[in-house]
């Protein structure tokens, strides 16, 4: 299961990297 905050954070971190 994915959480809204976790998903947003993961996407941001992945794109930021």
Protein backbone atom coordinates (compact mmCIF):
# COMPACT_ATOMS: atom_id res chain seq x y z
CA UNK A 1 0.00 0.00 0.00
CA UNK A 2 1.16 3.51 -0.78
CA UNK A 3 0.58 6.60 1.32
CA UNK A 4 -0.10 10.01 -0.19
CA UNK A 5 2.74 11.62 1.76
CA UNK A 6 5.10 8.69 1.13
CA UNK A 7 4.28 8.65 -2.57
CA UNK A 8 4.72 12.43 -2.94
CA UNK A 9 7.97 12.34 -0.97
CA UNK A 10 9.29 9.41 -2.98
CA UNK A 11 8.47 11.08 -6.30
CA UNK A 12 10.00 14.37 -5.20
CA UNK A 13 13.16 12.69 -3.92
CA UNK A 14 13.46 10.50 -7.03
CA UNK A 15 12.95 13.42 -9.43
CA UNK A 16 15.17 15.68 -7.31
CA UNK A 17 17.99 13.13 -7.44
